[in-house]
Amino acid sequence: MKSKLHTVILAAAAAFAVGLVCAPSAAAKPARAGAAAQQSAPAATTNPNEGFLRTWKDISHKILEMAEDFPEDKYDFKPKPEVRTFAEQVLHATGSVHYFNAILEGKQPTEEDPKRADFKSKAEIVAYAKKAVAEGTAMLEKADFSKTIQGPRRAINPYAFWSDFCEHPGEHYGAMVVYYRLNGLVPPESRPRK
């Protein structure tokens, strides 16, 4: 019984594969005489700036929304002594724009984050984050994907560079979600929408 079922499955898979290989493609069909050839709609965008901008705006919006929403009296919460506070997560995730900008300018970037002690309130941190996100958006709007980026040590593929640029805050967004949950809070993105 087992070998019969195995044979049936193999025969079905082979028939499916032959159908895929032998099926005529849409491109191989001759155009009807007198009828205009229909073309599929073009992709929504083929401009890489638009795609990367969409990703950047989505993740930076989530981080800014959290920065504004998280209770100020919990801004210095950290799950363990050796990790960043919530405020430091916001400053690091958004302040990384300056790290990436230094690379674009061919300078050696600094790994140093903005200091929490330099911000007296949640409002000051949110203002800093908004300004950094706006600067990041401006950088990405004028990004040139047609040539490599001449960093301080090596040439960098622009797609890899901008992928890192957009992915980095996403990593910290994930950490910030945990900070919410550990405080018994629901992140804004996880709340039911009205």
N, C-alpha and C. Protein backbone atom coordinates (compact mmCIF):
# COMPACT_ATOMS: atom_id res chain seq x y z
N MET A 1 0.83 -1.20 0.00
CA MET A 1 0.00 0.00 0.00
C MET A 1 0.86 1.24 0.00
N LYS A 2 1.90 1.22 0.84
CA LYS A 2 2.78 2.38 0.94
C LYS A 2 3.48 2.65 -0.38
N SER A 3 3.96 1.60 -1.06
CA SER A 3 4.67 1.81 -2.33
C SER A 3 3.71 2.24 -3.42
N LYS A 4 2.45 1.80 -3.38
CA LYS A 4 1.47 2.21 -4.38
C LYS A 4 1.16 3.70 -4.24
N LEU A 5 1.00 4.16 -3.00
CA LEU A 5 0.76 5.57 -2.74
C LEU A 5 1.96 6.41 -3.18
N HIS A 6 3.12 5.91 -2.89
CA HIS A 6 4.36 6.59 -3.29
C HIS A 6 4.43 6.74 -4.81
N THR A 7 4.05 5.69 -5.53
CA THR A 7 4.07 5.71 -7.00
C THR A 7 3.05 6.72 -7.53
N VAL A 8 1.87 6.76 -6.91
CA VAL A 8 0.83 7.70 -7.34
C VAL A 8 1.30 9.15 -7.14
N ILE A 9 1.93 9.43 -5.98
CA ILE A 9 2.42 10.78 -5.70
C ILE A 9 3.51 11.19 -6.69
N LEU A 10 4.42 10.26 -6.97
CA LEU A 10 5.49 10.55 -7.94
C LEU A 10 4.92 10.81 -9.33
N ALA A 11 3.92 10.02 -9.72
CA ALA A 11 3.31 10.21 -11.05
C ALA A 11 2.61 11.56 -11.13
N ALA A 12 1.92 11.94 -10.06
CA ALA A 12 1.22 13.24 -10.04
C ALA A 12 2.22 14.39 -10.11
N ALA A 13 3.31 14.27 -9.35
CA ALA A 13 4.35 15.31 -9.38
C ALA A 13 4.98 15.42 -10.75
N ALA A 14 5.23 14.29 -11.39
CA ALA A 14 5.83 14.31 -12.73
C ALA A 14 4.88 14.95 -13.74
N ALA A 15 3.60 14.61 -13.64
CA ALA A 15 2.62 15.20 -14.56
C ALA A 15 2.53 16.70 -14.37
N PHE A 16 2.57 17.14 -13.11
CA PHE A 16 2.52 18.58 -12.83
C PHE A 16 3.75 19.28 -13.41
N ALA A 17 4.92 18.69 -13.22
CA ALA A 17 6.16 19.28 -13.73
C ALA A 17 6.15 19.36 -15.24
N VAL A 18 5.67 18.30 -15.90
CA VAL A 18 5.59 18.30 -17.37
C VAL A 18 4.64 19.39 -17.83
N GLY A 19 3.54 19.55 -17.12
CA GLY A 19 2.58 20.60 -17.47
C GLY A 19 3.18 21.98 -17.37
N LEU A 20 4.01 22.20 -16.35
CA LEU A 20 4.68 23.49 -16.20
C LEU A 20 5.67 23.76 -17.32
N VAL A 21 6.41 22.73 -17.69
CA VAL A 21 7.44 22.89 -18.71
C VAL A 21 6.84 23.02 -20.09
N CYS A 22 5.79 22.23 -20.34
CA CYS A 22 5.24 22.18 -21.70
C CYS A 22 4.12 23.17 -21.95
N ALA A 23 3.57 23.78 -20.92
CA ALA A 23 2.47 24.72 -21.12
C ALA A 23 2.94 25.92 -21.92
N PRO A 24 2.16 26.33 -22.92
CA PRO A 24 2.58 27.49 -23.70
C PRO A 24 2.55 28.75 -22.85
N SER A 25 3.52 29.59 -23.01
CA SER A 25 3.55 30.83 -22.23
C SER A 25 2.71 31.88 -22.92
N ALA A 26 2.33 32.88 -22.16
CA ALA A 26 1.53 33.97 -22.72
C ALA A 26 2.30 34.69 -23.80
N ALA A 27 3.62 34.75 -23.66
CA ALA A 27 4.44 35.44 -24.65
C ALA A 27 4.49 34.68 -25.96
N ALA A 28 4.28 33.35 -25.92
CA ALA A 28 4.38 32.56 -27.13
C ALA A 28 3.10 32.61 -27.95
N LYS A 29 1.99 33.06 -27.38
CA LYS A 29 0.73 33.12 -28.11
C LYS A 29 0.77 34.24 -29.13
N PRO A 30 0.33 33.97 -30.35
CA PRO A 30 0.31 35.04 -31.35
C PRO A 30 -0.76 36.07 -31.02
N ALA A 31 -0.49 37.32 -31.36
CA ALA A 31 -1.45 38.39 -31.12
C ALA A 31 -2.61 38.22 -32.08
N ARG A 32 -3.81 38.51 -31.62
CA ARG A 32 -4.99 38.44 -32.50
C ARG A 32 -4.92 39.55 -33.52
N ALA A 33 -5.27 39.23 -34.73
CA ALA A 33 -5.26 40.22 -35.81
C ALA A 33 -6.27 41.31 -35.50
N GLY A 34 -5.85 42.55 -35.61
CA GLY A 34 -6.73 43.69 -35.43
C GLY A 34 -7.00 44.05 -33.97
N ALA A 35 -6.57 43.26 -33.05
CA ALA A 35 -6.82 43.55 -31.63
C ALA A 35 -5.53 44.10 -31.01
N ALA A 36 -5.68 45.08 -30.17
CA ALA A 36 -4.51 45.66 -29.50
C ALA A 36 -4.01 44.66 -28.46
N ALA A 37 -2.72 44.50 -28.43
CA ALA A 37 -2.13 43.59 -27.44
C ALA A 37 -2.28 44.22 -26.06
N GLN A 38 -2.80 43.44 -25.13
CA GLN A 38 -2.97 43.96 -23.79
C GLN A 38 -1.70 43.71 -23.00
N GLN A 39 -1.32 44.71 -22.25
CA GLN A 39 -0.12 44.59 -21.43
C GLN A 39 -0.53 44.62 -19.97
N SER A 40 0.24 43.92 -19.17
CA SER A 40 -0.06 43.95 -17.74
C SER A 40 0.33 45.31 -17.18
N ALA A 41 -0.32 45.69 -16.11
CA ALA A 41 -0.03 46.99 -15.49
C ALA A 41 1.41 46.98 -14.96
N PRO A 42 2.11 48.09 -15.10
CA PRO A 42 3.48 48.14 -14.59
C PRO A 42 3.48 48.08 -13.06
N ALA A 43 4.58 47.71 -12.52
CA ALA A 43 4.72 47.67 -11.06
C ALA A 43 4.43 49.05 -10.50
N ALA A 44 3.99 49.09 -9.25
CA ALA A 44 3.64 50.36 -8.62
C ALA A 44 4.81 51.34 -8.67
N THR A 45 6.01 50.84 -8.53
CA THR A 45 7.18 51.69 -8.63
C THR A 45 8.38 50.86 -9.03
N THR A 46 9.24 51.46 -9.79
CA THR A 46 10.52 50.81 -10.10
C THR A 46 11.65 51.68 -9.60
N ASN A 47 11.30 52.74 -8.90
CA ASN A 47 12.29 53.65 -8.35
C ASN A 47 12.69 53.14 -6.96
N PRO A 48 13.96 52.73 -6.78
CA PRO A 48 14.34 52.20 -5.47
C PRO A 48 14.17 53.20 -4.34
N ASN A 49 14.32 54.49 -4.61
CA ASN A 49 14.13 55.48 -3.56
C ASN A 49 12.74 55.36 -2.94
N GLU A 50 11.73 55.15 -3.79
CA GLU A 50 10.35 55.06 -3.30
C GLU A 50 10.15 53.84 -2.41
N GLY A 51 10.71 52.72 -2.82
CA GLY A 51 10.58 51.51 -2.02
C GLY A 51 11.29 51.62 -0.68
N PHE A 52 12.52 52.12 -0.70
CA PHE A 52 13.25 52.28 0.55
C PHE A 52 12.60 53.36 1.42
N LEU A 53 12.12 54.42 0.79
CA LEU A 53 11.44 55.47 1.56
C LEU A 53 10.20 54.93 2.26
N ARG A 54 9.45 54.08 1.58
CA ARG A 54 8.25 53.50 2.19
C ARG A 54 8.63 52.71 3.44
N THR A 55 9.69 51.91 3.32
CA THR A 55 10.15 51.12 4.47
C THR A 55 10.63 52.02 5.60
N TRP A 56 11.46 53.02 5.25
CA TRP A 56 12.00 53.94 6.25
C TRP A 56 10.88 54.69 6.97
N LYS A 57 9.94 55.22 6.21
CA LYS A 57 8.86 55.99 6.82
C LYS A 57 7.99 55.11 7.71
N ASP A 58 7.79 53.86 7.31
CA ASP A 58 6.98 52.95 8.12
C ASP A 58 7.64 52.69 9.46
N ILE A 59 8.90 52.30 9.47
CA ILE A 59 9.56 51.95 10.73
C ILE A 59 9.82 53.18 11.59
N SER A 60 10.21 54.29 10.96
CA SER A 60 10.49 55.48 11.78
C SER A 60 9.19 56.04 12.37
N HIS A 61 8.08 55.90 11.65
CA HIS A 61 6.78 56.32 12.20
C HIS A 61 6.45 55.50 13.45
N LYS A 62 6.70 54.19 13.39
CA LYS A 62 6.40 53.33 14.54
C LYS A 62 7.26 53.73 15.75
N ILE A 63 8.52 54.04 15.50
CA ILE A 63 9.40 54.43 16.61
C ILE A 63 8.99 55.77 17.19
N LEU A 64 8.67 56.73 16.33
CA LEU A 64 8.23 58.04 16.83
C LEU A 64 6.92 57.92 17.60
N GLU A 65 6.02 57.08 17.11
CA GLU A 65 4.75 56.89 17.80
C GLU A 65 4.99 56.31 19.21
N MET A 66 5.93 55.37 19.30
CA MET A 66 6.26 54.80 20.61
C MET A 66 6.92 55.84 21.51
N ALA A 67 7.82 56.63 20.94
CA ALA A 67 8.52 57.66 21.73
C ALA A 67 7.52 58.64 22.34
N GLU A 68 6.49 58.98 21.58
CA GLU A 68 5.47 59.90 22.08
C GLU A 68 4.51 59.23 23.06
N ASP A 69 4.31 57.94 22.91
CA ASP A 69 3.30 57.21 23.68
C ASP A 69 3.82 56.66 25.00
N PHE A 70 5.06 56.21 25.04
CA PHE A 70 5.59 55.55 26.23
C PHE A 70 5.59 56.52 27.42
N PRO A 71 5.15 56.08 28.59
CA PRO A 71 5.07 56.98 29.75
C PRO A 71 6.44 57.57 30.12
N GLU A 72 6.46 58.85 30.35
CA GLU A 72 7.73 59.52 30.67
C GLU A 72 8.36 58.95 31.94
N ASP A 73 7.54 58.55 32.91
CA ASP A 73 8.11 58.01 34.15
C ASP A 73 8.75 56.63 33.95
N LYS A 74 8.58 56.04 32.77
CA LYS A 74 9.21 54.76 32.45
C LYS A 74 10.31 54.91 31.39
N TYR A 75 10.63 56.13 31.03
CA TYR A 75 11.64 56.36 29.98
C TYR A 75 13.02 55.81 30.35
N ASP A 76 13.31 55.70 31.62
CA ASP A 76 14.61 55.18 32.02
C ASP A 76 14.55 53.71 32.44
N PHE A 77 13.46 53.06 32.07
CA PHE A 77 13.34 51.62 32.32
C PHE A 77 14.30 50.86 31.41
N LYS A 78 14.93 49.83 31.99
CA LYS A 78 15.73 48.90 31.20
C LYS A 78 15.50 47.50 31.76
N PRO A 79 15.34 46.51 30.90
CA PRO A 79 15.05 45.15 31.36
C PRO A 79 16.18 44.52 32.18
N LYS A 80 17.41 44.89 31.85
CA LYS A 80 18.58 44.36 32.56
C LYS A 80 19.59 45.50 32.66
N PRO A 81 20.45 45.47 33.66
CA PRO A 81 21.40 46.58 33.86
C PRO A 81 22.32 46.85 32.67
N GLU A 82 22.65 45.83 31.90
CA GLU A 82 23.63 46.01 30.82
C GLU A 82 23.04 46.47 29.49
N VAL A 83 21.74 46.69 29.41
CA VAL A 83 21.14 47.13 28.15
C VAL A 83 20.67 48.59 28.23
N ARG A 84 20.29 49.13 27.09
CA ARG A 84 19.84 50.52 27.02
C ARG A 84 18.49 50.71 27.71
N THR A 85 18.28 51.92 28.20
CA THR A 85 16.96 52.30 28.69
C THR A 85 16.07 52.53 27.48
N PHE A 86 14.76 52.69 27.73
CA PHE A 86 13.86 53.00 26.62
C PHE A 86 14.29 54.29 25.94
N ALA A 87 14.61 55.31 26.72
CA ALA A 87 15.04 56.60 26.15
C ALA A 87 16.28 56.41 25.29
N GLU A 88 17.22 55.60 25.77
CA GLU A 88 18.45 55.36 25.00
C GLU A 88 18.17 54.57 23.72
N GLN A 89 17.16 53.71 23.75
CA GLN A 89 16.76 53.00 22.52
C GLN A 89 16.26 54.00 21.47
N VAL A 90 15.43 54.94 21.91
CA VAL A 90 14.90 55.95 20.98
C VAL A 90 16.05 56.79 20.41
N LEU A 91 16.94 57.23 21.29
CA LEU A 91 18.07 58.07 20.85
C LEU A 91 19.00 57.30 19.90
N HIS A 92 19.24 56.04 20.20
CA HIS A 92 20.13 55.24 19.36
C HIS A 92 19.49 54.94 18.01
N ALA A 93 18.24 54.49 18.02
CA ALA A 93 17.57 54.10 16.78
C ALA A 93 17.43 55.26 15.81
N THR A 94 17.12 56.44 16.33
CA THR A 94 16.95 57.60 15.45
C THR A 94 18.27 58.32 15.20
N GLY A 95 19.12 58.37 16.20
CA GLY A 95 20.41 59.04 16.06
C GLY A 95 21.37 58.34 15.12
N SER A 96 21.08 57.09 14.78
CA SER A 96 21.95 56.36 13.84
C SER A 96 21.98 57.02 12.47
N VAL A 97 21.03 57.90 12.22
CA VAL A 97 21.03 58.67 10.96
C VAL A 97 22.37 59.38 10.80
N HIS A 98 22.92 59.90 11.88
CA HIS A 98 24.19 60.63 11.82
C HIS A 98 25.36 59.69 11.50
N TYR A 99 25.28 58.46 11.99
CA TYR A 99 26.28 57.44 11.67
C TYR A 99 26.30 57.19 10.16
N PHE A 100 25.12 56.95 9.60
CA PHE A 100 25.02 56.67 8.16
C PHE A 100 25.38 57.89 7.32
N ASN A 101 25.03 59.07 7.79
CA ASN A 101 25.38 60.29 7.06
C ASN A 101 26.89 60.48 7.00
N ALA A 102 27.58 60.16 8.08
CA ALA A 102 29.05 60.26 8.09
C ALA A 102 29.64 59.37 7.01
N ILE A 103 29.11 58.17 6.86
CA ILE A 103 29.60 57.26 5.81
C ILE A 103 29.37 57.88 4.44
N LEU A 104 28.18 58.45 4.22
CA LEU A 104 27.89 59.09 2.93
C LEU A 104 28.87 60.22 2.63
N GLU A 105 29.31 60.90 3.67
CA GLU A 105 30.27 62.00 3.50
C GLU A 105 31.71 61.51 3.45
N GLY A 106 31.91 60.19 3.50
CA GLY A 106 33.26 59.63 3.44
C GLY A 106 34.04 59.77 4.72
N LYS A 107 33.35 60.07 5.82
CA LYS A 107 34.00 60.23 7.12
C LYS A 107 33.92 58.94 7.91
N GLN A 108 34.80 58.80 8.86
CA GLN A 108 34.74 57.65 9.77
C GLN A 108 33.60 57.89 10.75
N PRO A 109 32.56 57.04 10.73
CA PRO A 109 31.43 57.28 11.64
C PRO A 109 31.78 56.96 13.08
N THR A 110 31.12 57.63 13.97
CA THR A 110 31.31 57.36 15.39
C THR A 110 30.20 56.44 15.88
N GLU A 111 30.53 55.54 16.76
CA GLU A 111 29.55 54.61 17.32
C GLU A 111 28.85 55.22 18.54
N GLU A 112 29.24 56.43 18.89
CA GLU A 112 28.72 57.05 20.10
C GLU A 112 27.30 57.56 19.91
N ASP A 113 26.41 57.17 20.82
CA ASP A 113 25.02 57.62 20.79
C ASP A 113 24.89 58.97 21.47
N PRO A 114 23.80 59.68 21.19
CA PRO A 114 23.51 60.89 21.97
C PRO A 114 23.39 60.50 23.44
N LYS A 115 23.86 61.33 24.30
CA LYS A 115 23.84 61.04 25.74
C LYS A 115 22.46 61.34 26.34
N ARG A 116 21.96 60.38 27.09
CA ARG A 116 20.66 60.55 27.76
C ARG A 116 20.69 61.76 28.68
N ALA A 117 21.82 62.00 29.33
CA ALA A 117 21.95 63.12 30.28
C ALA A 117 21.79 64.48 29.60
N ASP A 118 21.95 64.53 28.28
CA ASP A 118 21.81 65.80 27.55
C ASP A 118 20.34 66.16 27.29
N PHE A 119 19.43 65.28 27.65
CA PHE A 119 18.00 65.51 27.41
C PHE A 119 17.28 65.50 28.75
N LYS A 120 16.64 66.62 29.06
CA LYS A 120 16.01 66.76 30.36
C LYS A 120 14.61 66.15 30.43
N SER A 121 13.98 65.96 29.27
CA SER A 121 12.60 65.49 29.30
C SER A 121 12.30 64.59 28.09
N LYS A 122 11.17 63.93 28.21
CA LYS A 122 10.66 63.12 27.10
C LYS A 122 10.45 64.01 25.87
N ALA A 123 9.92 65.20 26.07
CA ALA A 123 9.65 66.11 24.96
C ALA A 123 10.93 66.44 24.18
N GLU A 124 12.04 66.61 24.89
CA GLU A 124 13.31 66.90 24.21
C GLU A 124 13.80 65.69 23.41
N ILE A 125 13.60 64.50 23.95
CA ILE A 125 14.00 63.29 23.22
C ILE A 125 13.13 63.11 21.98
N VAL A 126 11.84 63.32 22.12
CA VAL A 126 10.93 63.19 20.98
C VAL A 126 11.29 64.21 19.91
N ALA A 127 11.60 65.44 20.31
CA ALA A 127 11.98 66.48 19.34
C ALA A 127 13.27 66.07 18.60
N TYR A 128 14.25 65.55 19.35
CA TYR A 128 15.49 65.08 18.73
C TYR A 128 15.19 63.96 17.73
N ALA A 129 14.37 63.00 18.14
CA ALA A 129 14.05 61.86 17.28
C ALA A 129 13.35 62.32 16.00
N LYS A 130 12.40 63.24 16.12
CA LYS A 130 11.69 63.74 14.94
C LYS A 130 12.65 64.43 13.98
N LYS A 131 13.56 65.22 14.51
CA LYS A 131 14.53 65.92 13.67
C LYS A 131 15.45 64.92 12.96
N ALA A 132 15.91 63.91 13.69
CA ALA A 132 16.79 62.90 13.09
C ALA A 132 16.05 62.12 12.00
N VAL A 133 14.81 61.76 12.23
CA VAL A 133 14.03 61.04 11.23
C VAL A 133 13.83 61.90 9.99
N ALA A 134 13.55 63.18 10.17
CA ALA A 134 13.39 64.09 9.02
C ALA A 134 14.70 64.18 8.22
N GLU A 135 15.83 64.21 8.93
CA GLU A 135 17.13 64.24 8.24
C GLU A 135 17.36 62.94 7.48
N GLY A 136 16.98 61.82 8.09
CA GLY A 136 17.10 60.53 7.41
C GLY A 136 16.24 60.45 6.17
N THR A 137 15.03 60.98 6.25
CA THR A 137 14.13 61.01 5.10
C THR A 137 14.74 61.84 3.97
N ALA A 138 15.29 62.99 4.31
CA ALA A 138 15.92 63.85 3.30
C ALA A 138 17.12 63.15 2.65
N MET A 139 17.90 62.43 3.43
CA MET A 139 19.04 61.69 2.89
C MET A 139 18.57 60.65 1.87
N LEU A 140 17.54 59.93 2.23
CA LEU A 140 17.04 58.86 1.38
C LEU A 140 16.35 59.39 0.13
N GLU A 141 15.70 60.54 0.25
CA GLU A 141 15.03 61.13 -0.92
C GLU A 141 16.02 61.49 -2.02
N LYS A 142 17.25 61.82 -1.64
CA LYS A 142 18.24 62.19 -2.67
C LYS A 142 19.27 61.08 -2.90
N ALA A 143 19.00 59.88 -2.37
CA ALA A 143 19.93 58.76 -2.55
C ALA A 143 20.10 58.41 -4.02
N ASP A 144 21.33 58.11 -4.40
CA ASP A 144 21.65 57.72 -5.78
C ASP A 144 22.00 56.24 -5.78
N PHE A 145 21.13 55.44 -6.38
CA PHE A 145 21.35 53.99 -6.42
C PHE A 145 22.15 53.56 -7.63
N SER A 146 22.59 54.50 -8.45
CA SER A 146 23.29 54.15 -9.69
C SER A 146 24.79 53.96 -9.52
N LYS A 147 25.30 54.32 -8.34
CA LYS A 147 26.74 54.17 -8.14
C LYS A 147 27.04 53.76 -6.70
N THR A 148 28.22 53.18 -6.52
CA THR A 148 28.61 52.77 -5.18
C THR A 148 28.84 53.99 -4.31
N ILE A 149 28.73 53.76 -3.00
CA ILE A 149 28.96 54.81 -2.01
C ILE A 149 30.41 54.68 -1.56
N GLN A 150 31.15 55.76 -1.65
CA GLN A 150 32.56 55.75 -1.25
C GLN A 150 32.65 56.02 0.25
N GLY A 151 32.64 54.96 1.03
CA GLY A 151 32.76 55.09 2.48
C GLY A 151 34.20 55.39 2.86
N PRO A 152 34.48 55.57 4.14
CA PRO A 152 35.83 55.91 4.58
C PRO A 152 36.84 54.78 4.36
N ARG A 153 36.35 53.53 4.32
CA ARG A 153 37.27 52.40 4.17
C ARG A 153 37.11 51.64 2.86
N ARG A 154 35.91 51.68 2.28
CA ARG A 154 35.67 50.90 1.08
C ARG A 154 34.44 51.41 0.34
N ALA A 155 34.31 50.95 -0.89
CA ALA A 155 33.10 51.26 -1.66
C ALA A 155 31.98 50.34 -1.16
N ILE A 156 30.76 50.89 -1.08
CA ILE A 156 29.63 50.14 -0.54
C ILE A 156 28.51 50.11 -1.59
N ASN A 157 27.94 48.94 -1.78
CA ASN A 157 26.80 48.79 -2.67
C ASN A 157 25.66 49.65 -2.11
N PRO A 158 25.06 50.53 -2.92
CA PRO A 158 24.02 51.42 -2.37
C PRO A 158 22.80 50.67 -1.84
N TYR A 159 22.46 49.54 -2.47
CA TYR A 159 21.31 48.78 -1.99
C TYR A 159 21.59 48.18 -0.61
N ALA A 160 22.80 47.70 -0.41
CA ALA A 160 23.19 47.17 0.90
C ALA A 160 23.20 48.28 1.94
N PHE A 161 23.73 49.44 1.57
CA PHE A 161 23.81 50.57 2.50
C PHE A 161 22.42 51.00 2.96
N TRP A 162 21.51 51.22 2.00
CA TRP A 162 20.18 51.71 2.36
C TRP A 162 19.34 50.62 3.02
N SER A 163 19.62 49.35 2.73
CA SER A 163 18.95 48.26 3.44
C SER A 163 19.34 48.30 4.91
N ASP A 164 20.65 48.46 5.19
CA ASP A 164 21.11 48.57 6.58
C ASP A 164 20.49 49.79 7.25
N PHE A 165 20.42 50.90 6.52
CA PHE A 165 19.86 52.14 7.04
C PHE A 165 18.42 51.92 7.52
N CYS A 166 17.63 51.21 6.71
CA CYS A 166 16.22 50.97 7.05
C CYS A 166 16.04 49.84 8.06
N GLU A 167 16.93 48.86 8.02
CA GLU A 167 16.79 47.71 8.90
C GLU A 167 17.19 48.02 10.34
N HIS A 168 18.18 48.85 10.52
CA HIS A 168 18.70 49.14 11.86
C HIS A 168 17.61 49.62 12.82
N PRO A 169 16.81 50.62 12.48
CA PRO A 169 15.77 51.03 13.43
C PRO A 169 14.72 49.94 13.65
N GLY A 170 14.54 49.07 12.65
CA GLY A 170 13.60 47.96 12.81
C GLY A 170 14.01 47.01 13.92
N GLU A 171 15.32 46.79 14.04
CA GLU A 171 15.82 45.93 15.12
C GLU A 171 15.49 46.54 16.48
N HIS A 172 15.65 47.85 16.60
CA HIS A 172 15.41 48.51 17.88
C HIS A 172 13.91 48.66 18.15
N TYR A 173 13.12 48.76 17.10
CA TYR A 173 11.67 48.75 17.28
C TYR A 173 11.26 47.45 17.97
N GLY A 174 11.82 46.33 17.52
CA GLY A 174 11.51 45.04 18.13
C GLY A 174 11.86 45.02 19.61
N ALA A 175 13.01 45.58 19.96
CA ALA A 175 13.41 45.65 21.37
C ALA A 175 12.44 46.53 22.15
N MET A 176 12.04 47.64 21.56
CA MET A 176 11.14 48.56 22.24
C MET A 176 9.77 47.94 22.51
N VAL A 177 9.34 47.05 21.63
CA VAL A 177 8.08 46.32 21.85
C VAL A 177 8.19 45.51 23.15
N VAL A 178 9.35 44.89 23.36
CA VAL A 178 9.57 44.11 24.59
C VAL A 178 9.50 45.02 25.82
N TYR A 179 10.06 46.22 25.72
CA TYR A 179 10.00 47.16 26.85
C TYR A 179 8.54 47.47 27.19
N TYR A 180 7.73 47.64 26.17
CA TYR A 180 6.29 47.86 26.39
C TYR A 180 5.70 46.68 27.16
N ARG A 181 5.92 45.49 26.63
CA ARG A 181 5.29 44.29 27.21
C ARG A 181 5.75 44.04 28.64
N LEU A 182 7.03 44.28 28.92
CA LEU A 182 7.54 44.08 30.27
C LEU A 182 6.93 45.07 31.27
N ASN A 183 6.40 46.16 30.77
CA ASN A 183 5.73 47.15 31.62
C ASN A 183 4.21 47.01 31.60
N GLY A 184 3.74 45.90 31.03
CA GLY A 184 2.30 45.66 30.99
C GLY A 184 1.57 46.57 30.03
N LEU A 185 2.28 47.09 29.02
CA LEU A 185 1.70 48.02 28.05
C LEU A 185 1.59 47.35 26.68
N VAL A 186 0.64 47.82 25.90
CA VAL A 186 0.47 47.33 24.53
C VAL A 186 1.06 48.37 23.58
N PRO A 187 2.00 47.96 22.71
CA PRO A 187 2.58 48.92 21.76
C PRO A 187 1.50 49.51 20.85
N PRO A 188 1.65 50.75 20.44
CA PRO A 188 0.62 51.37 19.59
C PRO A 188 0.27 50.56 18.35
N GLU A 189 1.26 49.95 17.71
CA GLU A 189 1.02 49.21 16.48
C GLU A 189 0.18 47.94 16.72
N SER A 190 0.17 47.44 17.96
CA SER A 190 -0.56 46.21 18.28
C SER A 190 -1.96 46.49 18.82
N ARG A 191 -2.31 47.74 18.98
CA ARG A 191 -3.64 48.08 19.49
C ARG A 191 -4.67 48.00 18.36
N PRO A 192 -5.91 47.67 18.71
CA PRO A 192 -6.95 47.65 17.68
C PRO A 192 -7.12 49.05 17.07
N ARG A 193 -7.25 49.08 15.76
CA ARG A 193 -7.45 50.36 15.06
C ARG A 193 -8.93 50.69 15.02
N LYS A 194 -9.24 51.98 15.19
CA LYS A 194 -10.64 52.42 15.18
C LYS A 194 -11.11 52.63 13.76
